[in-house]
Amino acid sequence: MKKLVLILVIIFTYSLSFAGTEDFIVKFGKLQKDSSGRCFVSSETTQIPLLLKDSGFRFGFTVENKKGNQFTGYYIDYLPIPPETLTGDYKYNKPEDGGKKYISNKRTYNAYWWNDWWSDEGDPLGECKVEIYVNDELLKVIKYTMIPAE
């Protein structure tokens, strides 16, 4: 009987470590702002054209807690080569791997998180990846490709 109780406790504890990830909706792609200034993914895609900041084009991700709960989040972005110029959050993110990996600061969000990026002259083309962490757990890995603008 003690073994059964111990096994049930272990299973319950293990299941708690994954509880909550189904409470989140993650989207990635082209971003736009709504009337309140909040960004949303207007078109989901992993093929991102390298359009410069002045074009107004923004891309990135959103994370929404379906229950409306507060959460903490950070991301790790992997680039094929280091960018020539660091702007936006990248100026404050922790670079690793010779400037090809950037770890954002952990922040607290009230049920909704958006992260918007733009491109600068000298940004790399090619395969990229972003890992999105919520409440210190890996929530989603998104692979995306920076392509030349048409």
N, C-alpha and C. Protein backbone atom coordinates (compact mmCIF):
# COMPACT_ATOMS: atom_id res chain seq x y z
N MET A 1 0.82 -1.19 0.00
CA MET A 1 0.00 0.00 0.00
C MET A 1 0.87 1.26 0.00
N LYS A 2 1.96 1.22 0.80
CA LYS A 2 2.84 2.38 0.85
C LYS A 2 3.45 2.66 -0.53
N LYS A 3 3.78 1.60 -1.26
CA LYS A 3 4.35 1.78 -2.59
C LYS A 3 3.33 2.43 -3.53
N LEU A 4 2.09 2.02 -3.43
CA LEU A 4 1.04 2.58 -4.27
C LEU A 4 0.86 4.07 -3.99
N VAL A 5 0.83 4.42 -2.70
CA VAL A 5 0.68 5.83 -2.33
C VAL A 5 1.88 6.63 -2.82
N LEU A 6 3.08 6.09 -2.66
CA LEU A 6 4.29 6.77 -3.12
C LEU A 6 4.25 6.96 -4.64
N ILE A 7 3.84 5.94 -5.35
CA ILE A 7 3.75 6.04 -6.82
C ILE A 7 2.73 7.11 -7.21
N LEU A 8 1.57 7.13 -6.55
CA LEU A 8 0.56 8.14 -6.85
C LEU A 8 1.06 9.55 -6.55
N VAL A 9 1.78 9.71 -5.46
CA VAL A 9 2.34 11.02 -5.11
C VAL A 9 3.35 11.45 -6.17
N ILE A 10 4.19 10.54 -6.62
CA ILE A 10 5.19 10.85 -7.65
C ILE A 10 4.49 11.23 -8.96
N ILE A 11 3.49 10.47 -9.35
CA ILE A 11 2.76 10.78 -10.59
C ILE A 11 2.09 12.14 -10.48
N PHE A 12 1.45 12.42 -9.35
CA PHE A 12 0.77 13.69 -9.16
C PHE A 12 1.77 14.85 -9.21
N THR A 13 2.89 14.71 -8.52
CA THR A 13 3.92 15.75 -8.51
C THR A 13 4.49 15.96 -9.90
N TYR A 14 4.76 14.88 -10.62
CA TYR A 14 5.28 14.97 -11.97
C TYR A 14 4.28 15.67 -12.88
N SER A 15 3.00 15.35 -12.75
CA SER A 15 2.00 15.98 -13.61
C SER A 15 1.86 17.46 -13.31
N LEU A 16 2.09 17.87 -12.08
CA LEU A 16 2.02 19.29 -11.73
C LEU A 16 3.11 20.10 -12.43
N SER A 17 4.25 19.46 -12.67
CA SER A 17 5.33 20.19 -13.32
C SER A 17 4.97 20.59 -14.75
N PHE A 18 3.99 19.90 -15.35
CA PHE A 18 3.55 20.25 -16.70
C PHE A 18 2.20 20.97 -16.71
N ALA A 19 1.60 21.09 -15.55
CA ALA A 19 0.27 21.72 -15.50
C ALA A 19 0.36 23.17 -15.93
N GLY A 20 -0.58 23.58 -16.72
CA GLY A 20 -0.66 24.98 -17.07
C GLY A 20 -0.18 25.31 -18.46
N THR A 21 0.68 24.52 -19.08
CA THR A 21 1.15 24.89 -20.41
C THR A 21 0.02 24.87 -21.42
N GLU A 22 -1.00 24.05 -21.19
CA GLU A 22 -2.15 24.04 -22.10
C GLU A 22 -3.01 25.28 -21.93
N ASP A 23 -2.73 26.09 -20.92
CA ASP A 23 -3.48 27.32 -20.67
C ASP A 23 -2.98 28.48 -21.53
N PHE A 24 -2.00 28.24 -22.40
CA PHE A 24 -1.41 29.32 -23.18
C PHE A 24 -1.62 29.13 -24.67
N ILE A 25 -1.83 30.24 -25.36
CA ILE A 25 -1.92 30.26 -26.81
C ILE A 25 -0.71 31.06 -27.30
N VAL A 26 0.10 30.45 -28.16
CA VAL A 26 1.29 31.10 -28.70
C VAL A 26 1.10 31.25 -30.21
N LYS A 27 1.36 32.45 -30.71
CA LYS A 27 1.31 32.72 -32.14
C LYS A 27 2.59 33.43 -32.55
N PHE A 28 2.99 33.23 -33.81
CA PHE A 28 4.20 33.85 -34.34
C PHE A 28 3.93 34.30 -35.76
N GLY A 29 4.46 35.47 -36.12
CA GLY A 29 4.34 35.94 -37.48
C GLY A 29 4.35 37.44 -37.58
N LYS A 30 3.60 37.96 -38.56
CA LYS A 30 3.51 39.40 -38.80
C LYS A 30 2.65 40.03 -37.71
N LEU A 31 3.14 41.13 -37.14
CA LEU A 31 2.42 41.82 -36.06
C LEU A 31 1.79 43.11 -36.55
N GLN A 32 0.69 43.45 -35.92
CA GLN A 32 0.06 44.75 -36.08
C GLN A 32 -0.40 45.20 -34.71
N LYS A 33 -0.72 46.49 -34.59
CA LYS A 33 -1.23 47.04 -33.33
C LYS A 33 -2.73 47.25 -33.43
N ASP A 34 -3.41 47.00 -32.30
CA ASP A 34 -4.84 47.31 -32.25
C ASP A 34 -5.01 48.75 -31.78
N SER A 35 -6.23 49.20 -31.59
CA SER A 35 -6.50 50.60 -31.25
C SER A 35 -5.94 51.00 -29.89
N SER A 36 -5.69 50.01 -29.02
CA SER A 36 -5.12 50.32 -27.71
C SER A 36 -3.59 50.31 -27.71
N GLY A 37 -2.98 49.97 -28.87
CA GLY A 37 -1.52 49.93 -28.97
C GLY A 37 -0.93 48.57 -28.68
N ARG A 38 -1.77 47.59 -28.42
CA ARG A 38 -1.32 46.23 -28.13
C ARG A 38 -1.08 45.49 -29.44
N CYS A 39 0.06 44.80 -29.55
CA CYS A 39 0.38 44.04 -30.76
C CYS A 39 -0.34 42.69 -30.77
N PHE A 40 -0.69 42.25 -31.97
CA PHE A 40 -1.28 40.94 -32.18
C PHE A 40 -0.74 40.38 -33.49
N VAL A 41 -0.75 39.06 -33.61
CA VAL A 41 -0.28 38.42 -34.83
C VAL A 41 -1.41 38.50 -35.86
N SER A 42 -1.18 39.27 -36.91
CA SER A 42 -2.20 39.44 -37.94
C SER A 42 -2.10 38.36 -39.02
N SER A 43 -0.93 37.75 -39.13
CA SER A 43 -0.73 36.70 -40.13
C SER A 43 0.36 35.76 -39.60
N GLU A 44 -0.01 34.52 -39.31
CA GLU A 44 0.97 33.56 -38.81
C GLU A 44 1.84 33.07 -39.97
N THR A 45 3.13 33.16 -39.77
CA THR A 45 4.10 32.70 -40.78
C THR A 45 5.45 32.50 -40.11
N THR A 46 6.26 31.64 -40.69
CA THR A 46 7.63 31.47 -40.23
C THR A 46 8.63 31.93 -41.29
N GLN A 47 8.14 32.51 -42.37
CA GLN A 47 8.96 33.10 -43.43
C GLN A 47 8.89 34.61 -43.26
N ILE A 48 9.95 35.20 -42.71
CA ILE A 48 9.95 36.61 -42.34
C ILE A 48 10.84 37.41 -43.30
N PRO A 49 10.25 38.35 -44.05
CA PRO A 49 11.07 39.17 -44.95
C PRO A 49 11.90 40.18 -44.16
N LEU A 50 13.13 40.37 -44.58
CA LEU A 50 14.01 41.31 -43.90
C LEU A 50 13.66 42.73 -44.38
N LEU A 51 12.64 43.29 -43.76
CA LEU A 51 12.20 44.66 -44.04
C LEU A 51 12.69 45.55 -42.91
N LEU A 52 13.31 46.65 -43.24
CA LEU A 52 13.92 47.52 -42.23
C LEU A 52 12.88 48.24 -41.38
N LYS A 53 13.32 48.69 -40.22
CA LYS A 53 12.45 49.33 -39.23
C LYS A 53 11.59 50.45 -39.83
N ASP A 54 12.20 51.28 -40.67
CA ASP A 54 11.47 52.41 -41.25
C ASP A 54 10.28 51.99 -42.11
N SER A 55 10.25 50.74 -42.55
CA SER A 55 9.13 50.26 -43.35
C SER A 55 7.86 50.09 -42.51
N GLY A 56 8.05 50.02 -41.19
CA GLY A 56 6.92 49.80 -40.30
C GLY A 56 6.61 48.33 -40.06
N PHE A 57 7.25 47.43 -40.80
CA PHE A 57 7.01 46.00 -40.64
C PHE A 57 7.54 45.51 -39.30
N ARG A 58 6.71 44.76 -38.60
CA ARG A 58 7.10 44.14 -37.34
C ARG A 58 6.70 42.67 -37.37
N PHE A 59 7.50 41.86 -36.73
CA PHE A 59 7.18 40.45 -36.58
C PHE A 59 7.52 40.03 -35.16
N GLY A 60 7.05 38.88 -34.77
CA GLY A 60 7.34 38.41 -33.43
C GLY A 60 6.29 37.42 -32.96
N PHE A 61 6.12 37.37 -31.64
CA PHE A 61 5.20 36.38 -31.08
C PHE A 61 4.30 37.01 -30.03
N THR A 62 3.20 36.31 -29.78
CA THR A 62 2.31 36.65 -28.67
C THR A 62 2.10 35.40 -27.84
N VAL A 63 1.92 35.62 -26.54
CA VAL A 63 1.59 34.55 -25.61
C VAL A 63 0.40 35.04 -24.80
N GLU A 64 -0.65 34.26 -24.81
CA GLU A 64 -1.86 34.63 -24.08
C GLU A 64 -2.25 33.53 -23.10
N ASN A 65 -2.47 33.92 -21.86
CA ASN A 65 -2.98 32.98 -20.87
C ASN A 65 -4.51 32.96 -21.00
N LYS A 66 -5.07 31.81 -21.39
CA LYS A 66 -6.50 31.69 -21.64
C LYS A 66 -7.34 31.97 -20.39
N LYS A 67 -6.74 31.76 -19.21
CA LYS A 67 -7.48 31.99 -17.97
C LYS A 67 -7.32 33.42 -17.46
N GLY A 68 -6.51 34.21 -18.15
CA GLY A 68 -6.31 35.60 -17.74
C GLY A 68 -5.35 35.77 -16.57
N ASN A 69 -4.57 34.74 -16.28
CA ASN A 69 -3.65 34.80 -15.15
C ASN A 69 -2.33 35.48 -15.49
N GLN A 70 -1.73 36.06 -14.49
CA GLN A 70 -0.40 36.67 -14.62
C GLN A 70 0.64 35.57 -14.74
N PHE A 71 1.73 35.84 -15.45
CA PHE A 71 2.80 34.86 -15.60
C PHE A 71 4.11 35.59 -15.84
N THR A 72 5.22 34.86 -15.71
CA THR A 72 6.53 35.41 -16.05
C THR A 72 6.97 34.80 -17.37
N GLY A 73 7.77 35.55 -18.11
CA GLY A 73 8.23 35.04 -19.38
C GLY A 73 9.56 35.63 -19.80
N TYR A 74 10.28 34.85 -20.59
CA TYR A 74 11.48 35.32 -21.26
C TYR A 74 11.68 34.45 -22.49
N TYR A 75 12.55 34.89 -23.38
CA TYR A 75 12.82 34.11 -24.58
C TYR A 75 14.31 34.02 -24.82
N ILE A 76 14.69 33.02 -25.61
CA ILE A 76 16.06 32.88 -26.10
C ILE A 76 15.96 32.83 -27.62
N ASP A 77 16.64 33.75 -28.28
CA ASP A 77 16.61 33.83 -29.73
C ASP A 77 17.97 33.39 -30.27
N TYR A 78 17.94 32.52 -31.27
CA TYR A 78 19.14 31.98 -31.90
C TYR A 78 19.20 32.49 -33.34
N LEU A 79 20.31 33.12 -33.70
CA LEU A 79 20.51 33.66 -35.04
C LEU A 79 21.63 32.90 -35.74
N PRO A 80 21.63 32.88 -37.08
CA PRO A 80 22.68 32.14 -37.79
C PRO A 80 24.06 32.77 -37.64
N ILE A 81 24.12 34.10 -37.60
CA ILE A 81 25.36 34.85 -37.36
C ILE A 81 24.99 36.07 -36.53
N PRO A 82 25.95 36.69 -35.87
CA PRO A 82 25.63 37.88 -35.08
C PRO A 82 25.16 39.03 -35.96
N PRO A 83 24.18 39.81 -35.50
CA PRO A 83 23.77 40.99 -36.25
C PRO A 83 24.86 42.05 -36.18
N GLU A 84 24.89 42.94 -37.18
CA GLU A 84 25.89 44.02 -37.19
C GLU A 84 25.56 45.10 -36.16
N THR A 85 24.27 45.35 -35.93
CA THR A 85 23.83 46.41 -35.03
C THR A 85 22.83 45.84 -34.04
N LEU A 86 22.95 46.23 -32.79
CA LEU A 86 21.97 45.81 -31.78
C LEU A 86 21.04 46.97 -31.47
N THR A 87 19.74 46.74 -31.68
CA THR A 87 18.74 47.75 -31.35
C THR A 87 17.63 47.08 -30.56
N GLY A 88 16.66 47.87 -30.12
CA GLY A 88 15.53 47.31 -29.38
C GLY A 88 15.98 46.56 -28.15
N ASP A 89 15.28 45.48 -27.83
CA ASP A 89 15.59 44.68 -26.65
C ASP A 89 16.98 44.05 -26.72
N TYR A 90 17.48 43.83 -27.92
CA TYR A 90 18.77 43.16 -28.05
C TYR A 90 19.90 43.94 -27.37
N LYS A 91 19.74 45.25 -27.24
CA LYS A 91 20.76 46.05 -26.53
C LYS A 91 20.84 45.65 -25.06
N TYR A 92 19.75 45.09 -24.53
CA TYR A 92 19.67 44.77 -23.10
C TYR A 92 19.70 43.27 -22.84
N ASN A 93 19.53 42.46 -23.89
CA ASN A 93 19.54 41.02 -23.72
C ASN A 93 20.97 40.52 -23.55
N LYS A 94 21.09 39.39 -22.89
CA LYS A 94 22.40 38.81 -22.63
C LYS A 94 22.86 38.01 -23.86
N PRO A 95 23.94 38.47 -24.54
CA PRO A 95 24.42 37.71 -25.70
C PRO A 95 25.29 36.53 -25.27
N GLU A 96 25.19 35.45 -26.02
CA GLU A 96 26.03 34.27 -25.82
C GLU A 96 26.42 33.72 -27.18
N ASP A 97 27.28 32.73 -27.19
CA ASP A 97 27.70 32.05 -28.42
C ASP A 97 28.19 33.04 -29.46
N GLY A 98 29.03 33.96 -29.04
CA GLY A 98 29.63 34.92 -29.97
C GLY A 98 28.64 35.90 -30.57
N GLY A 99 27.51 36.12 -29.90
CA GLY A 99 26.51 37.06 -30.39
C GLY A 99 25.45 36.44 -31.29
N LYS A 100 25.38 35.09 -31.32
CA LYS A 100 24.36 34.42 -32.11
C LYS A 100 23.16 33.99 -31.26
N LYS A 101 23.29 34.13 -29.95
CA LYS A 101 22.23 33.70 -29.03
C LYS A 101 21.96 34.86 -28.06
N TYR A 102 20.67 35.21 -27.91
CA TYR A 102 20.30 36.32 -27.04
C TYR A 102 19.21 35.88 -26.06
N ILE A 103 19.48 36.11 -24.79
CA ILE A 103 18.54 35.73 -23.74
C ILE A 103 17.91 37.01 -23.19
N SER A 104 16.59 37.08 -23.28
CA SER A 104 15.90 38.28 -22.80
C SER A 104 15.81 38.26 -21.28
N ASN A 105 15.48 39.40 -20.73
CA ASN A 105 15.25 39.50 -19.30
C ASN A 105 13.88 38.91 -18.97
N LYS A 106 13.79 38.29 -17.81
CA LYS A 106 12.50 37.74 -17.37
C LYS A 106 11.63 38.90 -16.89
N ARG A 107 10.37 38.88 -17.32
CA ARG A 107 9.40 39.91 -16.94
C ARG A 107 8.09 39.26 -16.53
N THR A 108 7.27 40.02 -15.84
CA THR A 108 5.94 39.57 -15.45
C THR A 108 4.92 40.20 -16.38
N TYR A 109 3.96 39.39 -16.83
CA TYR A 109 2.93 39.84 -17.77
C TYR A 109 1.54 39.57 -17.19
N ASN A 110 0.63 40.46 -17.50
CA ASN A 110 -0.75 40.31 -17.05
C ASN A 110 -1.58 39.63 -18.13
N ALA A 111 -1.45 38.33 -18.24
CA ALA A 111 -2.24 37.47 -19.11
C ALA A 111 -1.87 37.56 -20.60
N TYR A 112 -1.11 38.58 -21.02
CA TYR A 112 -0.79 38.73 -22.44
C TYR A 112 0.61 39.30 -22.60
N TRP A 113 1.37 38.68 -23.50
CA TRP A 113 2.75 39.12 -23.75
C TRP A 113 2.95 39.16 -25.26
N TRP A 114 3.48 40.27 -25.72
CA TRP A 114 3.89 40.31 -27.12
C TRP A 114 5.33 40.76 -27.16
N ASN A 115 6.03 40.23 -28.13
CA ASN A 115 7.41 40.63 -28.37
C ASN A 115 7.54 40.97 -29.84
N ASP A 116 7.81 42.24 -30.11
CA ASP A 116 7.91 42.67 -31.51
C ASP A 116 9.35 42.95 -31.88
N TRP A 117 9.69 42.50 -33.09
CA TRP A 117 11.02 42.72 -33.65
C TRP A 117 10.89 43.44 -34.97
N TRP A 118 11.99 44.06 -35.37
CA TRP A 118 12.12 44.64 -36.69
C TRP A 118 13.51 44.31 -37.17
N SER A 119 13.79 44.59 -38.41
CA SER A 119 15.11 44.31 -38.97
C SER A 119 15.89 45.61 -39.16
N ASP A 120 17.19 45.49 -39.00
CA ASP A 120 18.11 46.60 -39.23
C ASP A 120 19.08 46.20 -40.34
N GLU A 121 19.71 47.21 -40.94
CA GLU A 121 20.73 46.96 -41.95
C GLU A 121 21.79 46.05 -41.34
N GLY A 122 22.16 44.99 -42.06
CA GLY A 122 23.19 44.08 -41.58
C GLY A 122 22.67 42.92 -40.75
N ASP A 123 21.35 42.83 -40.58
CA ASP A 123 20.80 41.68 -39.87
C ASP A 123 20.95 40.43 -40.74
N PRO A 124 21.15 39.27 -40.10
CA PRO A 124 21.40 38.06 -40.87
C PRO A 124 20.15 37.46 -41.51
N LEU A 125 20.33 36.88 -42.67
CA LEU A 125 19.31 36.05 -43.31
C LEU A 125 19.55 34.61 -42.89
N GLY A 126 18.52 33.79 -43.00
CA GLY A 126 18.70 32.37 -42.73
C GLY A 126 17.83 31.84 -41.61
N GLU A 127 18.19 30.64 -41.19
CA GLU A 127 17.41 29.91 -40.19
C GLU A 127 17.64 30.48 -38.79
N CYS A 128 16.55 30.74 -38.09
CA CYS A 128 16.58 31.25 -36.72
C CYS A 128 15.66 30.40 -35.87
N LYS A 129 15.76 30.60 -34.58
CA LYS A 129 14.90 29.86 -33.66
C LYS A 129 14.68 30.70 -32.41
N VAL A 130 13.47 30.65 -31.87
CA VAL A 130 13.18 31.30 -30.61
C VAL A 130 12.55 30.28 -29.67
N GLU A 131 13.07 30.23 -28.45
CA GLU A 131 12.49 29.42 -27.39
C GLU A 131 11.75 30.35 -26.46
N ILE A 132 10.50 30.04 -26.18
CA ILE A 132 9.66 30.89 -25.33
C ILE A 132 9.44 30.16 -24.01
N TYR A 133 9.82 30.83 -22.92
CA TYR A 133 9.69 30.26 -21.58
C TYR A 133 8.62 31.01 -20.80
N VAL A 134 7.75 30.25 -20.14
CA VAL A 134 6.72 30.82 -19.28
C VAL A 134 6.83 30.14 -17.93
N ASN A 135 6.86 30.97 -16.90
CA ASN A 135 6.99 30.45 -15.53
C ASN A 135 8.16 29.48 -15.41
N ASP A 136 9.26 29.84 -16.05
CA ASP A 136 10.52 29.09 -16.03
C ASP A 136 10.45 27.73 -16.70
N GLU A 137 9.43 27.48 -17.52
CA GLU A 137 9.34 26.24 -18.28
C GLU A 137 9.30 26.57 -19.76
N LEU A 138 9.96 25.73 -20.56
CA LEU A 138 9.92 25.91 -22.01
C LEU A 138 8.49 25.67 -22.49
N LEU A 139 7.89 26.69 -23.06
CA LEU A 139 6.52 26.59 -23.55
C LEU A 139 6.48 26.19 -25.02
N LYS A 140 7.34 26.82 -25.84
CA LYS A 140 7.28 26.55 -27.28
C LYS A 140 8.61 26.91 -27.93
N VAL A 141 8.96 26.15 -28.97
CA VAL A 141 10.11 26.43 -29.81
C VAL A 141 9.57 26.74 -31.20
N ILE A 142 9.97 27.89 -31.74
CA ILE A 142 9.54 28.29 -33.07
C ILE A 142 10.75 28.47 -33.95
N LYS A 143 10.79 27.76 -35.06
CA LYS A 143 11.85 27.93 -36.05
C LYS A 143 11.30 28.85 -37.14
N TYR A 144 12.08 29.85 -37.49
CA TYR A 144 11.66 30.77 -38.53
C TYR A 144 12.83 31.12 -39.43
N THR A 145 12.54 31.62 -40.62
CA THR A 145 13.57 31.91 -41.60
C THR A 145 13.48 33.38 -42.00
N MET A 146 14.59 34.08 -41.88
CA MET A 146 14.68 35.45 -42.38
C MET A 146 15.05 35.36 -43.86
N ILE A 147 14.18 35.94 -44.71
CA ILE A 147 14.36 35.87 -46.15
C ILE A 147 14.54 37.28 -46.72
N PRO A 148 15.15 37.41 -47.89
CA PRO A 148 15.28 38.74 -48.48
C PRO A 148 13.90 39.35 -48.76
N ALA A 149 13.78 40.64 -48.56
CA ALA A 149 12.54 41.34 -48.87
C ALA A 149 12.38 41.43 -50.38
N GLU A 150 11.16 41.35 -50.83
CA GLU A 150 10.90 41.44 -52.29
C GLU A 150 10.81 42.88 -52.72
